[in-house]
Protein backbone atom coordinates (compact mmCIF):
# COMPACT_ATOMS: atom_id res chain seq x y z
CA UNK A 1 107.31 89.84 125.12
CA UNK A 2 107.39 93.27 123.50
CA UNK A 3 105.16 96.20 124.42
CA UNK A 4 105.08 98.62 121.50
CA UNK A 5 103.39 102.00 121.78
CA UNK A 6 102.69 104.64 119.11
CA UNK A 7 100.55 107.74 118.73
CA UNK A 8 97.92 105.74 116.84
CA UNK A 9 97.57 102.02 116.24
CA UNK A 10 95.56 100.90 113.21
CA UNK A 11 94.41 97.29 113.71
CA UNK A 12 92.46 97.85 110.43
CA UNK A 13 89.67 95.39 111.25
CA UNK A 14 88.60 97.62 114.16
CA UNK A 15 88.76 101.33 115.02
CA UNK A 16 92.14 103.05 115.53
CA UNK A 17 93.57 103.11 119.06
CA UNK A 18 95.27 106.27 120.33
CA UNK A 19 98.35 105.76 122.51
CA UNK A 20 97.62 102.06 122.80
CA UNK A 21 100.03 99.14 123.00
CA UNK A 22 100.68 96.28 120.63
CA UNK A 23 101.83 93.27 122.62
CA UNK A 24 103.81 90.61 120.72
CA UNK A 25 105.66 87.45 121.71
CA UNK A 26 108.93 88.96 120.50
CA UNK A 27 108.79 87.05 117.22
CA UNK A 28 106.00 89.11 115.70
CA UNK A 29 102.91 87.17 116.78
CA UNK A 30 100.21 89.48 118.18
CA UNK A 31 99.26 88.65 121.77
CA UNK A 32 97.03 91.63 122.48
CA UNK A 33 96.13 95.25 121.71
CA UNK A 34 95.92 97.23 124.94
CA UNK A 35 94.08 100.52 125.30
CA UNK A 36 96.19 101.64 128.26
CA UNK A 37 99.70 101.23 129.64
CA UNK A 38 98.37 100.71 133.15
CA UNK A 39 100.15 97.87 134.90
CA UNK A 40 103.05 97.81 132.43
CA UNK A 41 106.52 98.77 133.60
CA UNK A 42 107.52 102.04 131.95
CA UNK A 43 110.97 100.70 131.07
CA UNK A 44 109.42 97.73 129.25
CA UNK A 45 107.53 99.90 126.76
CA UNK A 46 108.97 100.73 123.34
CA UNK A 47 107.63 104.19 122.52
CA UNK A 48 107.45 105.53 118.96
CA UNK A 49 106.29 108.73 117.35
CA UNK A 50 104.00 107.93 114.46
CA UNK A 51 101.35 105.36 113.61
CA UNK A 52 101.46 101.57 113.47
CA UNK A 53 99.66 99.34 110.97
CA UNK A 54 99.98 95.72 109.79
CA UNK A 55 102.50 94.87 107.10
CA UNK A 56 101.52 95.90 103.59
CA UNK A 57 100.15 93.53 100.93
CA UNK A 58 101.37 94.14 97.38
CA UNK A 59 98.83 92.36 95.17
CA UNK A 60 100.53 93.03 91.83
CA UNK A 61 104.25 92.88 91.11
CA UNK A 62 106.59 91.54 88.41
CA UNK A 63 109.71 90.64 90.39
CA UNK A 64 111.31 89.07 87.30
CA UNK A 65 111.46 92.49 85.61
CA UNK A 66 113.48 94.11 88.42
CA UNK A 67 116.58 94.35 86.21
CA UNK A 68 114.76 96.87 83.98
CA UNK A 69 114.83 99.63 86.59
CA UNK A 70 115.43 102.92 84.78
CA UNK A 71 115.77 101.20 81.39
CA UNK A 72 112.42 102.13 79.81
CA UNK A 73 111.00 105.48 78.72
CA UNK A 74 108.11 107.09 80.55
CA UNK A 75 104.67 108.43 79.59
CA UNK A 76 104.70 107.16 76.00
CA UNK A 77 101.77 104.76 76.35
CA UNK A 78 101.38 101.04 76.89
CA UNK A 79 102.09 99.96 73.31
CA UNK A 80 105.48 101.68 73.29
CA UNK A 81 106.17 100.34 76.80
CA UNK A 82 105.33 96.76 75.76
CA UNK A 83 107.68 96.97 72.78
CA UNK A 84 110.49 98.22 75.00
CA UNK A 85 109.93 95.46 77.58
CA UNK A 86 110.08 92.77 74.90
CA UNK A 87 113.18 94.35 73.41
CA UNK A 88 115.06 94.81 76.69
CA UNK A 89 114.16 91.96 79.04
CA UNK A 90 116.28 89.30 77.33
CA UNK A 91 119.48 91.32 77.03
CA UNK A 92 120.82 90.46 80.49
CA UNK A 93 122.36 87.39 82.09
CA UNK A 94 120.43 85.28 84.55
CA UNK A 95 123.00 86.24 87.20
CA UNK A 96 122.29 89.93 86.62
CA UNK A 97 118.54 89.32 86.85
CA UNK A 98 118.96 87.25 90.04
CA UNK A 99 120.91 90.04 91.70
CA UNK A 100 118.28 92.60 90.73
CA UNK A 101 115.44 90.40 92.04
CA UNK A 102 117.17 89.80 95.36
CA UNK A 103 117.73 93.53 95.76
CA UNK A 104 114.08 94.26 94.91
CA UNK A 105 112.87 91.63 97.40
CA UNK A 106 114.93 93.24 100.18
CA UNK A 107 113.62 96.65 99.15
CA UNK A 108 110.05 95.45 99.59
CA UNK A 109 110.85 94.03 103.02
CA UNK A 110 112.42 97.35 104.06
CA UNK A 111 109.25 99.10 102.86
CA UNK A 112 107.07 97.01 105.17
CA UNK A 113 105.67 94.63 102.54
CA UNK A 114 104.94 91.18 103.97
CA UNK A 115 103.04 89.49 101.12
CA UNK A 116 103.07 89.81 97.33
CA UNK A 117 100.96 88.62 94.41
CA UNK A 118 103.76 88.22 91.87
CA UNK A 119 103.51 87.65 88.12
CA UNK A 120 105.83 85.08 86.54
CA UNK A 121 106.24 84.27 82.85
CA UNK A 122 109.33 82.14 83.53
CA UNK A 123 110.78 80.40 86.59
CA UNK A 124 113.80 82.70 87.18
CA UNK A 125 112.25 84.30 90.28
CA UNK A 126 111.16 81.10 92.04
CA UNK A 127 114.38 80.58 94.00
CA UNK A 128 114.42 84.19 95.23
CA UNK A 129 110.80 83.98 96.34
CA UNK A 130 111.27 80.63 98.05
CA UNK A 131 114.10 82.00 100.24
CA UNK A 132 112.39 85.31 101.05
CA UNK A 133 110.77 86.31 104.33
CA UNK A 134 107.92 87.69 102.21
CA UNK A 135 104.92 85.47 101.51
CA UNK A 136 104.60 85.18 97.71
CA UNK A 137 101.63 83.95 95.72
CA UNK A 138 102.86 83.40 92.16
CA UNK A 139 100.52 84.15 89.26
CA UNK A 140 101.83 82.11 86.33
CA UNK A 141 100.85 84.25 83.39
CA UNK A 142 99.67 82.75 80.09
CA UNK A 143 99.99 84.61 76.79
CA UNK A 144 98.51 83.62 73.43
CA UNK A 145 95.66 85.23 71.52
CA UNK A 146 95.17 82.49 68.93
CA UNK A 147 92.50 80.06 70.23
CA UNK A 148 94.08 77.22 68.27
CA UNK A 149 97.10 77.35 70.62
CA UNK A 150 95.10 77.21 73.86
CA UNK A 151 96.06 73.65 74.88
CA UNK A 152 99.75 74.19 74.15
CA UNK A 153 99.73 77.41 76.21
CA UNK A 154 98.01 75.69 79.13
CA UNK A 155 100.53 72.84 79.04
CA UNK A 156 103.39 75.33 79.35
CA UNK A 157 101.60 76.96 82.30
CA UNK A 158 101.12 73.58 83.96
CA UNK A 159 104.86 72.95 83.66
CA UNK A 160 105.64 76.21 85.46
CA UNK A 161 103.03 75.35 88.06
CA UNK A 162 104.90 72.12 88.81
CA UNK A 163 108.15 74.05 89.13
CA UNK A 164 106.53 76.47 91.58
CA UNK A 165 105.23 73.53 93.61
CA UNK A 166 108.77 72.13 93.79
CA UNK A 167 109.79 75.40 95.45
CA UNK A 168 106.71 75.18 97.73
CA UNK A 169 105.33 78.39 96.29
CA UNK A 170 101.54 78.80 96.23
CA UNK A 171 100.59 79.57 92.64
CA UNK A 172 97.77 80.11 90.16
CA UNK A 173 97.69 79.98 86.36
CA UNK A 174 96.20 83.20 84.99
CA UNK A 175 95.64 85.04 81.69
CA UNK A 176 97.92 88.01 80.98
CA UNK A 177 95.46 90.45 79.42
CA UNK A 178 92.43 90.45 77.09
CA UNK A 179 94.51 91.74 74.18
CA UNK A 180 97.04 88.90 74.56
CA UNK A 181 95.03 85.90 75.79
CA UNK A 182 92.26 84.02 74.02
CA UNK A 183 88.83 83.42 75.48
CA UNK A 184 89.54 79.69 75.44
CA UNK A 185 92.56 80.13 77.71
CA UNK A 186 90.57 82.44 79.96
CA UNK A 187 87.76 79.90 80.33
CA UNK A 188 90.17 77.10 81.20
CA UNK A 189 92.10 79.16 83.75
CA UNK A 190 88.75 80.22 85.24
CA UNK A 191 87.71 76.57 85.59
CA UNK A 192 91.07 75.81 87.24
CA UNK A 193 90.59 78.75 89.63
CA UNK A 194 87.14 77.48 90.60
CA UNK A 195 88.25 73.85 91.01
CA UNK A 196 91.12 74.69 93.37
CA UNK A 197 89.48 77.80 94.90
CA UNK A 198 92.48 79.97 94.09
CA UNK A 199 92.64 83.63 93.04
CA UNK A 200 93.08 84.73 89.44
CA UNK A 201 94.43 88.05 88.12
CA UNK A 202 94.35 89.80 84.75
CA UNK A 203 95.64 93.14 83.44
CA UNK A 204 92.56 95.22 82.69
CA UNK A 205 92.02 98.33 80.53
CA UNK A 206 95.53 99.66 81.04
CA UNK A 207 95.27 101.69 77.84
CA UNK A 208 92.58 103.38 75.77
CA UNK A 209 93.70 101.25 72.83
CA UNK A 210 92.49 98.09 74.54
CA UNK A 211 88.90 99.29 74.37
CA UNK A 212 89.33 100.36 70.74
CA UNK A 213 90.50 96.88 69.82
CA UNK A 214 87.37 95.24 71.16
CA UNK A 215 84.91 97.93 70.17
CA UNK A 216 85.83 98.12 66.47
CA UNK A 217 89.15 96.29 65.91
CA UNK A 218 91.09 99.53 65.54
CA UNK A 219 93.92 101.35 67.26
CA UNK A 220 97.58 100.84 68.04
CA UNK A 221 97.31 97.18 69.05
CA UNK A 222 96.99 96.34 65.36
CA UNK A 223 100.38 98.00 64.88
CA UNK A 224 101.80 95.98 67.77
CA UNK A 225 100.59 92.69 66.30
CA UNK A 226 102.10 93.66 62.96
CA UNK A 227 105.38 94.53 64.71
CA UNK A 228 105.36 91.06 66.31
CA UNK A 229 104.36 89.39 63.04
CA UNK A 230 101.18 88.06 64.64
CA UNK A 231 98.08 87.57 62.50
CA UNK A 232 94.76 88.29 64.20
CA UNK A 233 92.52 87.61 61.22
CA UNK A 234 90.45 85.34 63.48
CA UNK A 235 89.76 88.16 65.97
CA UNK A 236 86.36 89.82 65.73
CA UNK A 237 85.34 93.06 67.41
CA UNK A 238 82.47 92.80 69.88
CA UNK A 239 81.27 96.39 69.77
CA UNK A 240 81.72 96.48 73.54
CA UNK A 241 84.44 97.65 75.91
CA UNK A 242 87.27 95.26 76.64
CA UNK A 243 85.94 94.41 80.12
CA UNK A 244 82.41 93.68 78.89
CA UNK A 245 83.85 91.53 76.11
CA UNK A 246 86.09 89.20 78.13
CA UNK A 247 84.69 89.06 81.67
CA UNK A 248 82.03 86.44 80.79
CA UNK A 249 84.94 84.10 79.95
CA UNK A 250 86.08 84.36 83.58
CA UNK A 251 82.71 83.98 85.25
CA UNK A 252 83.56 80.51 86.61
CA UNK A 253 86.60 81.86 88.50
CA UNK A 254 86.81 81.65 92.26
CA UNK A 255 87.82 85.33 92.45
CA UNK A 256 89.35 87.78 89.97
CA UNK A 257 91.75 90.68 90.46
CA UNK A 258 91.48 93.33 87.72
CA UNK A 259 94.81 95.14 87.57
CA UNK A 260 95.42 98.78 86.57
CA UNK A 261 91.90 99.76 85.36
CA UNK A 262 93.22 103.06 84.06
CA UNK A 263 90.52 103.33 81.40
CA UNK A 264 87.62 101.56 83.11
CA UNK A 265 84.43 103.59 82.73
CA UNK A 266 81.60 103.98 85.21
CA UNK A 267 79.61 101.57 83.03
CA UNK A 268 82.44 99.02 83.24
CA UNK A 269 82.53 99.33 87.02
CA UNK A 270 78.78 98.75 87.23
CA UNK A 271 78.98 95.79 84.84
CA UNK A 272 81.74 94.12 86.85
CA UNK A 273 79.81 94.75 90.06
CA UNK A 274 77.07 92.46 88.75
CA UNK A 275 79.44 89.76 87.48
CA UNK A 276 79.43 86.25 88.93
CA UNK A 277 82.99 85.94 90.27
CA UNK A 278 84.11 88.03 93.22
CA UNK A 279 85.84 91.03 91.61
CA UNK A 280 88.73 92.94 93.16
CA UNK A 281 90.31 96.08 91.66
CA UNK A 282 94.06 96.59 91.98
CA UNK A 283 95.44 100.14 91.78
CA UNK A 284 99.06 100.67 90.72
CA UNK A 285 99.11 104.49 90.50
CA UNK A 286 102.84 105.01 90.07
CA UNK A 287 102.93 102.59 87.14
CA UNK A 288 99.82 104.20 85.61
CA UNK A 289 101.59 107.57 85.66
CA UNK A 290 104.86 106.05 84.42
CA UNK A 291 103.23 104.41 81.39
CA UNK A 292 100.08 106.38 80.46
CA UNK A 293 100.40 109.45 82.70
CA UNK A 294 96.84 108.86 83.86
CA UNK A 295 95.18 107.53 87.00
CA UNK A 296 92.05 105.36 87.30
CA UNK A 297 88.77 107.01 88.32
CA UNK A 298 89.08 106.17 92.01
CA UNK A 299 86.15 108.44 92.90
CA UNK A 300 83.85 106.39 90.64
CA UNK A 301 85.23 103.18 92.15
CA UNK A 302 84.28 104.39 95.61
CA UNK A 303 80.76 105.21 94.46
CA UNK A 304 80.41 101.70 93.03
CA UNK A 305 81.74 100.12 96.26
CA UNK A 306 84.62 98.42 94.47
CA UNK A 307 86.86 96.16 96.53
CA UNK A 308 90.25 97.82 96.08
CA UNK A 309 93.77 96.49 96.62
CA UNK A 310 97.19 98.05 96.00
CA UNK A 311 100.02 96.94 93.72
CA UNK A 312 103.42 98.33 92.75
CA UNK A 313 103.75 96.75 89.31
CA UNK A 314 107.42 96.23 88.37
CA UNK A 315 110.63 98.24 88.48
CA UNK A 316 110.29 98.43 84.70
CA UNK A 317 107.36 100.81 85.28
CA UNK A 318 108.11 102.22 88.73
CA UNK A 319 110.98 103.86 90.58
CA UNK A 320 110.48 101.79 93.74
CA UNK A 321 108.53 98.83 95.10
CA UNK A 322 106.65 100.48 97.94
CA UNK A 323 102.97 100.15 98.79
CA UNK A 324 103.38 103.22 101.01
CA UNK A 325 104.62 105.09 97.92
CA UNK A 326 101.44 104.11 96.06
CA UNK A 327 99.33 105.39 98.97
CA UNK A 328 101.18 108.70 98.81
CA UNK A 329 100.12 109.16 95.17
CA UNK A 330 96.51 108.29 95.94
CA UNK A 331 96.46 110.59 98.96
CA UNK A 332 97.84 113.48 96.89
CA UNK A 333 95.43 113.01 93.99
CA UNK A 334 92.30 112.03 95.92
CA UNK A 335 92.51 114.08 99.14
CA UNK A 336 89.09 112.95 100.37
CA UNK A 337 90.47 109.44 100.97
CA UNK A 338 90.96 108.70 104.65
CA UNK A 339 93.93 106.96 106.24
CA UNK A 340 91.64 104.11 107.27
CA UNK A 341 90.39 103.61 103.71
CA UNK A 342 93.88 103.56 102.26
CA UNK A 343 95.21 101.20 104.92
CA UNK A 344 92.29 98.83 104.37
CA UNK A 345 93.16 98.64 100.66
CA UNK A 346 96.86 98.17 101.42
CA UNK A 347 96.47 95.49 104.09
CA UNK A 348 93.16 93.76 104.81
CA UNK A 349 91.74 93.75 101.27
CA UNK A 350 94.97 92.45 99.80
CA UNK A 351 95.14 89.69 102.40
CA UNK A 352 91.56 88.69 101.66
CA UNK A 353 92.15 88.52 97.92
CA UNK A 354 95.31 86.41 98.34
CA UNK A 355 93.41 84.27 100.88
CA UNK A 356 95.97 84.81 103.63
CA UNK A 357 93.81 86.85 106.04
CA UNK A 358 94.24 84.18 108.72
CA UNK A 359 97.85 85.38 109.07
CA UNK A 360 98.11 88.85 107.49
CA UNK A 361 96.19 92.06 106.95
CA UNK A 362 95.13 93.07 110.46
CA UNK A 363 96.46 93.31 114.00
CA UNK A 364 94.59 90.47 115.67
CA UNK A 365 95.53 88.00 118.38
CA UNK A 366 97.38 84.99 117.05
CA UNK A 367 98.38 86.59 113.74
CA UNK A 368 101.90 87.42 112.60
CA UNK A 369 101.05 90.24 110.17
CA UNK A 370 104.13 92.43 110.44
CA UNK A 371 104.25 95.82 112.15
CA UNK A 372 105.00 99.01 110.25
CA UNK A 373 105.63 102.40 111.82
CA UNK A 374 104.64 105.17 109.41
CA UNK A 375 104.05 108.91 109.27
CA UNK A 376 100.34 109.48 108.74
CA UNK A 377 100.91 112.82 107.01
CA UNK A 378 102.59 111.28 103.98
CA UNK A 379 102.62 107.49 104.58
CA UNK A 380 106.41 107.50 104.80
CA UNK A 381 107.62 104.26 106.38
CA UNK A 382 109.68 105.21 109.42
CA UNK A 383 110.58 101.73 110.61
CA UNK A 384 109.61 98.09 110.20
CA UNK A 385 109.06 96.90 113.75
CA UNK A 386 108.30 93.22 113.13
């Protein structure tokens, strides 16, 4: 057994414990949380300066883009970023990409991340994820705006789903984004999500241009489609924001994670709050600053009681894969946020969305959630204890 003491222990599901003890079986399984050291031999106690919380849950990552670290320009907007990703991602060998993914996976482990919701467009990352100590849920992302291609797109997704199953990776098929995925594909992935009671994710309102596209079929996305030689003659503006336009197509989903939300308005938040599926909101602040140099309206999200999780996005749009690093940005920009709020988003909420709360997300008896020692002043990870 291990007796681990810190200045403050954050079980997350209950109130913080000052100078308490986390008791584990030596392999990471929680046996108890003790309020006092009474009756424990002093020499048996591991004492640490700092705070302890469960391992972090990263609900949005693109492991397969790890080889693009430092390759793309910053703060030039999503359209420019998307063009660069498409131009750069295929320039490297599979061996180079494998090495980058393995390094990124180890980086996440060192940063106290124990579970990841990871986007895959291809199967390159499956072997890395299957061998990792991290629990991965793979979101197989479907892209195709033309409704006539819906069945073909879904067949390709089903093929990747079979490959993920061969690696024993839990997986969902999901739409990429409203500007890149037809309503028909959204409806069919939603039905799949409901049938198998699995989570679904979608990139949401990451740029101002996304709303312009749906409101009046204008803006820089038209330029992007032209650049890609894609005709969208069939697309009709709805006169509504992006979120209000596409969310009805996902209403049959079991649960939906809206990722980024950089340009979600108070009206959008209220609309989603009344939607049929369970809605979660993923914040990836470092990526938001990297791409658009703007953060979501977290204050409005709090007022609307949004269920918030934390993501890192990819190394194409971030300098590191660290949930603690995302919390640092939120803490600096929204100083009214408490440590308990931020930890709930980074642990318990993420575990609930990924449907792994029986094992992760809180320090409870019988769980093996990971133990992270961190500095409460700036969320710096001091040590991964289990």
